[in-house]
Amino acid sequence: MSRIGFIAFMILVFRHLFYKNYVGLSLWPFIFLKDNALKNDAVLINHEKIHLKQQQELLILPFYLFYLAEWLFRTVWYLNSYRAYQNISFEREAYVNESNPDYLGERKTFSFIKYLCR
């Protein structure tokens, strides 16, 4: 088990959970990966840790509800479910900052909000 600040999390490998090119998934307090070798992918792990932080600050269940609602809205808006996924505020924050290993230490609470209207 590892920690992000005061967040404890565990990385599990579960190949059959993933669709197409998806390789990682955060379901608090777990990070699921498609392959064991991905445990060494610092950028992917950081991306998923950003999601864990988002989930924690929204008290977990509201995160999932907000994520789903935003995906549904954006799917209707773009008429494309993958483009909708790419534009979810939580995903945008994680993708923009996944290469910064210091991001979680610098991140302000509810930082995903600034990605809502971009």
C-alpha atoms as a PDB file:
ATOM      1  CA  MET A   1       0.000   0.000   0.000  1.00  0.00           C
ATOM      2  CA  SER A   2       1.300   3.481  -0.877  1.00  0.00           C
ATOM      3  CA  ARG A   3       0.323   6.991   0.157  1.00  0.00           C
ATOM      4  CA  ILE A   4      -0.499  10.303  -1.573  1.00  0.00           C
ATOM      5  CA  GLY A   5      -0.216  12.825   1.202  1.00  0.00           C
ATOM      6  CA  PHE A   6      -2.597  11.147   3.605  1.00  0.00           C
ATOM      7  CA  ILE A   7      -4.342   9.027   0.961  1.00  0.00           C
ATOM      8  CA  ALA A   8      -3.568   5.312   1.134  1.00  0.00           C
ATOM      9  CA  PHE A   9      -3.946   3.405  -2.126  1.00  0.00           C
ATOM     10  CA  MET A  10      -3.186  -0.003  -3.567  1.00  0.00           C
ATOM     11  CA  ILE A  11      -2.237  -0.950  -7.114  1.00  0.00           C
ATOM     12  CA  LEU A  12      -3.885  -4.083  -8.513  1.00  0.00           C
ATOM     13  CA  VAL A  13      -3.440  -5.724 -11.922  1.00  0.00           C
ATOM     14  CA  PHE A  14      -6.635  -6.945 -13.552  1.00  0.00           C
ATOM     15  CA  ARG A  15      -6.305  -7.455 -17.310  1.00  0.00           C
ATOM     16  CA  HIS A  16      -9.945  -8.237 -18.041  1.00  0.00           C
ATOM     17  CA  LEU A  17     -11.318  -4.980 -16.660  1.00  0.00           C
ATOM     18  CA  PHE A  18     -10.186  -2.833 -19.568  1.00  0.00           C
ATOM     19  CA  TYR A  19     -11.792  -1.896 -22.861  1.00  0.00           C
ATOM     20  CA  LYS A  20      -9.683  -1.264 -25.979  1.00  0.00           C
ATOM     21  CA  ASN A  21      -6.750   1.093 -25.275  1.00  0.00           C
ATOM     22  CA  TYR A  22      -7.583   1.884 -21.648  1.00  0.00           C
ATOM     23  CA  VAL A  23      -4.822   0.721 -19.314  1.00  0.00           C
ATOM     24  CA  GLY A  24      -5.557   2.285 -15.915  1.00  0.00           C
ATOM     25  CA  LEU A  25      -8.537   2.980 -13.685  1.00  0.00           C
ATOM     26  CA  SER A  26      -8.877   4.536 -10.246  1.00  0.00           C
ATOM     27  CA  LEU A  27     -11.658   3.332  -7.985  1.00  0.00           C
ATOM     28  CA  TRP A  28     -10.846   4.716  -4.574  1.00  0.00           C
ATOM     29  CA  PRO A  29      -8.655   3.481  -2.880  1.00  0.00           C
ATOM     30  CA  PHE A  30      -7.414   1.237  -5.704  1.00  0.00           C
ATOM     31  CA  ILE A  31      -5.550   1.805  -8.938  1.00  0.00           C
ATOM     32  CA  PHE A  32      -6.300  -0.994 -11.398  1.00  0.00           C
ATOM     33  CA  LEU A  33      -3.828  -1.591 -14.214  1.00  0.00           C
ATOM     34  CA  LYS A  34      -4.125  -3.718 -17.341  1.00  0.00           C
ATOM     35  CA  ASP A  35      -0.603  -5.128 -17.064  1.00  0.00           C
ATOM     36  CA  ASN A  36       1.973  -5.626 -14.320  1.00  0.00           C
ATOM     37  CA  ALA A  37       4.636  -3.705 -16.283  1.00  0.00           C
ATOM     38  CA  LEU A  38       2.489  -0.555 -16.021  1.00  0.00           C
ATOM     39  CA  LYS A  39       3.376  -0.328 -12.321  1.00  0.00           C
ATOM     40  CA  ASN A  40       6.634   1.253 -13.537  1.00  0.00           C
ATOM     41  CA  ASP A  41       4.891   3.888 -15.683  1.00  0.00           C
ATOM     42  CA  ALA A  42       5.310   6.962 -13.468  1.00  0.00           C
ATOM     43  CA  VAL A  43       3.158   9.178 -15.701  1.00  0.00           C
ATOM     44  CA  LEU A  44       0.240   6.718 -15.709  1.00  0.00           C
ATOM     45  CA  ILE A  45       0.478   6.177 -11.951  1.00  0.00           C
ATOM     46  CA  ASN A  46       0.565   9.941 -11.370  1.00  0.00           C
ATOM     47  CA  HIS A  47      -2.502  10.354 -13.619  1.00  0.00           C
ATOM     48  CA  GLU A  48      -4.394   7.774 -11.578  1.00  0.00           C
ATOM     49  CA  LYS A  49      -3.224   9.294  -8.272  1.00  0.00           C
ATOM     50  CA  ILE A  50      -4.658  12.637  -9.406  1.00  0.00           C
ATOM     51  CA  HIS A  51      -7.997  10.876  -9.837  1.00  0.00           C
ATOM     52  CA  LEU A  52      -7.722   9.379  -6.350  1.00  0.00           C
ATOM     53  CA  LYS A  53      -7.196  12.863  -4.938  1.00  0.00           C
ATOM     54  CA  GLN A  54     -10.220  14.160  -6.875  1.00  0.00           C
ATOM     55  CA  GLN A  55     -12.307  11.276  -5.570  1.00  0.00           C
ATOM     56  CA  GLN A  56     -11.247  11.900  -2.005  1.00  0.00           C
ATOM     57  CA  GLU A  57     -11.979  15.624  -2.037  1.00  0.00           C
ATOM     58  CA  LEU A  58     -15.484  14.989  -3.424  1.00  0.00           C
ATOM     59  CA  LEU A  59     -16.105  12.285  -0.802  1.00  0.00           C
ATOM     60  CA  ILE A  60     -15.932   9.474  -3.362  1.00  0.00           C
ATOM     61  CA  LEU A  61     -19.566   8.824  -4.382  1.00  0.00           C
ATOM     62  CA  PRO A  62     -20.260  12.414  -5.550  1.00  0.00           C
ATOM     63  CA  PHE A  63     -17.119  12.169  -7.701  1.00  0.00           C
ATOM     64  CA  TYR A  64     -18.540   9.193  -9.599  1.00  0.00           C
ATOM     65  CA  LEU A  65     -21.945  10.848  -9.981  1.00  0.00           C
ATOM     66  CA  PHE A  66     -20.394  14.101 -11.220  1.00  0.00           C
ATOM     67  CA  TYR A  67     -18.037  12.197 -13.548  1.00  0.00           C
ATOM     68  CA  LEU A  68     -20.937  10.256 -15.086  1.00  0.00           C
ATOM     69  CA  ALA A  69     -23.141  13.348 -15.398  1.00  0.00           C
ATOM     70  CA  GLU A  70     -20.358  15.319 -17.075  1.00  0.00           C
ATOM     71  CA  TRP A  71     -19.619  12.428 -19.451  1.00  0.00           C
ATOM     72  CA  LEU A  72     -23.305  12.150 -20.399  1.00  0.00           C
ATOM     73  CA  PHE A  73     -23.599  15.897 -20.962  1.00  0.00           C
ATOM     74  CA  ARG A  74     -20.446  16.023 -23.058  1.00  0.00           C
ATOM     75  CA  THR A  75     -21.471  12.928 -25.059  1.00  0.00           C
ATOM     76  CA  VAL A  76     -24.634  14.737 -26.100  1.00  0.00           C
ATOM     77  CA  TRP A  77     -22.670  17.958 -26.694  1.00  0.00           C
ATOM     78  CA  TYR A  78     -19.957  16.348 -28.878  1.00  0.00           C
ATOM     79  CA  LEU A  79     -22.037  13.412 -30.183  1.00  0.00           C
ATOM     80  CA  ASN A  80     -18.944  11.301 -29.512  1.00  0.00           C
ATOM     81  CA  SER A  81     -18.384   9.326 -26.308  1.00  0.00           C
ATOM     82  CA  TYR A  82     -14.579   9.193 -26.566  1.00  0.00           C
ATOM     83  CA  ARG A  83     -14.296  12.934 -27.177  1.00  0.00           C
ATOM     84  CA  ALA A  84     -16.657  13.414 -24.230  1.00  0.00           C
ATOM     85  CA  TYR A  85     -14.346  11.301 -22.039  1.00  0.00           C
ATOM     86  CA  GLN A  86     -11.310  13.340 -23.135  1.00  0.00           C
ATOM     87  CA  ASN A  87     -13.074  16.567 -22.146  1.00  0.00           C
ATOM     88  CA  ILE A  88     -14.327  15.592 -18.691  1.00  0.00           C
ATOM     89  CA  SER A  89     -12.849  18.132 -16.281  1.00  0.00           C
ATOM     90  CA  PHE A  90     -11.325  15.397 -14.100  1.00  0.00           C
ATOM     91  CA  GLU A  91      -9.603  13.825 -17.097  1.00  0.00           C
ATOM     92  CA  ARG A  92      -8.386  17.142 -18.439  1.00  0.00           C
ATOM     93  CA  GLU A  93      -6.787  18.025 -15.110  1.00  0.00           C
ATOM     94  CA  ALA A  94      -5.138  14.601 -14.901  1.00  0.00           C
ATOM     95  CA  TYR A  95      -3.854  14.617 -18.502  1.00  0.00           C
ATOM     96  CA  VAL A  96      -2.480  18.151 -18.288  1.00  0.00           C
ATOM     97  CA  ASN A  97      -0.605  17.432 -15.051  1.00  0.00           C
ATOM     98  CA  GLU A  98       0.286  13.730 -15.277  1.00  0.00           C
ATOM     99  CA  SER A  99       3.903  14.443 -16.278  1.00  0.00           C
ATOM    100  CA  ASN A 100       4.514  16.659 -13.249  1.00  0.00           C
ATOM    101  CA  PRO A 101       5.570  14.396 -10.367  1.00  0.00           C
ATOM    102  CA  ASP A 102       5.189  17.337  -7.949  1.00  0.00           C
ATOM    103  CA  TYR A 103       1.651  18.213  -9.006  1.00  0.00           C
ATOM    104  CA  LEU A 104      -0.178  16.582  -6.113  1.00  0.00           C
ATOM    105  CA  GLY A 105       2.004  18.472  -3.642  1.00  0.00           C
ATOM    106  CA  GLU A 106       1.266  21.782  -5.406  1.00  0.00           C
ATOM    107  CA  ARG A 107      -2.378  21.117  -6.278  1.00  0.00           C
ATOM    108  CA  LYS A 108      -5.082  23.275  -4.743  1.00  0.00           C
ATOM    109  CA  THR A 109      -8.352  21.714  -3.586  1.00  0.00           C
ATOM    110  CA  PHE A 110     -11.006  21.386  -6.317  1.00  0.00           C
ATOM    111  CA  SER A 111      -8.504  22.260  -9.061  1.00  0.00           C
ATOM    112  CA  PHE A 112     -10.568  20.278 -11.566  1.00  0.00           C
ATOM    113  CA  ILE A 113     -13.122  23.134 -11.559  1.00  0.00           C
ATOM    114  CA  LYS A 114     -10.896  25.335 -13.698  1.00  0.00           C
ATOM    115  CA  TYR A 115     -11.069  22.635 -16.408  1.00  0.00           C
ATOM    116  CA  LEU A 116     -14.876  22.638 -16.590  1.00  0.00           C
ATOM    117  CA  CYS A 117     -15.240  25.448 -19.130  1.00  0.00           C
ATOM    118  CA  ARG A 118     -12.006  25.148 -21.090  1.00  0.00           C
END
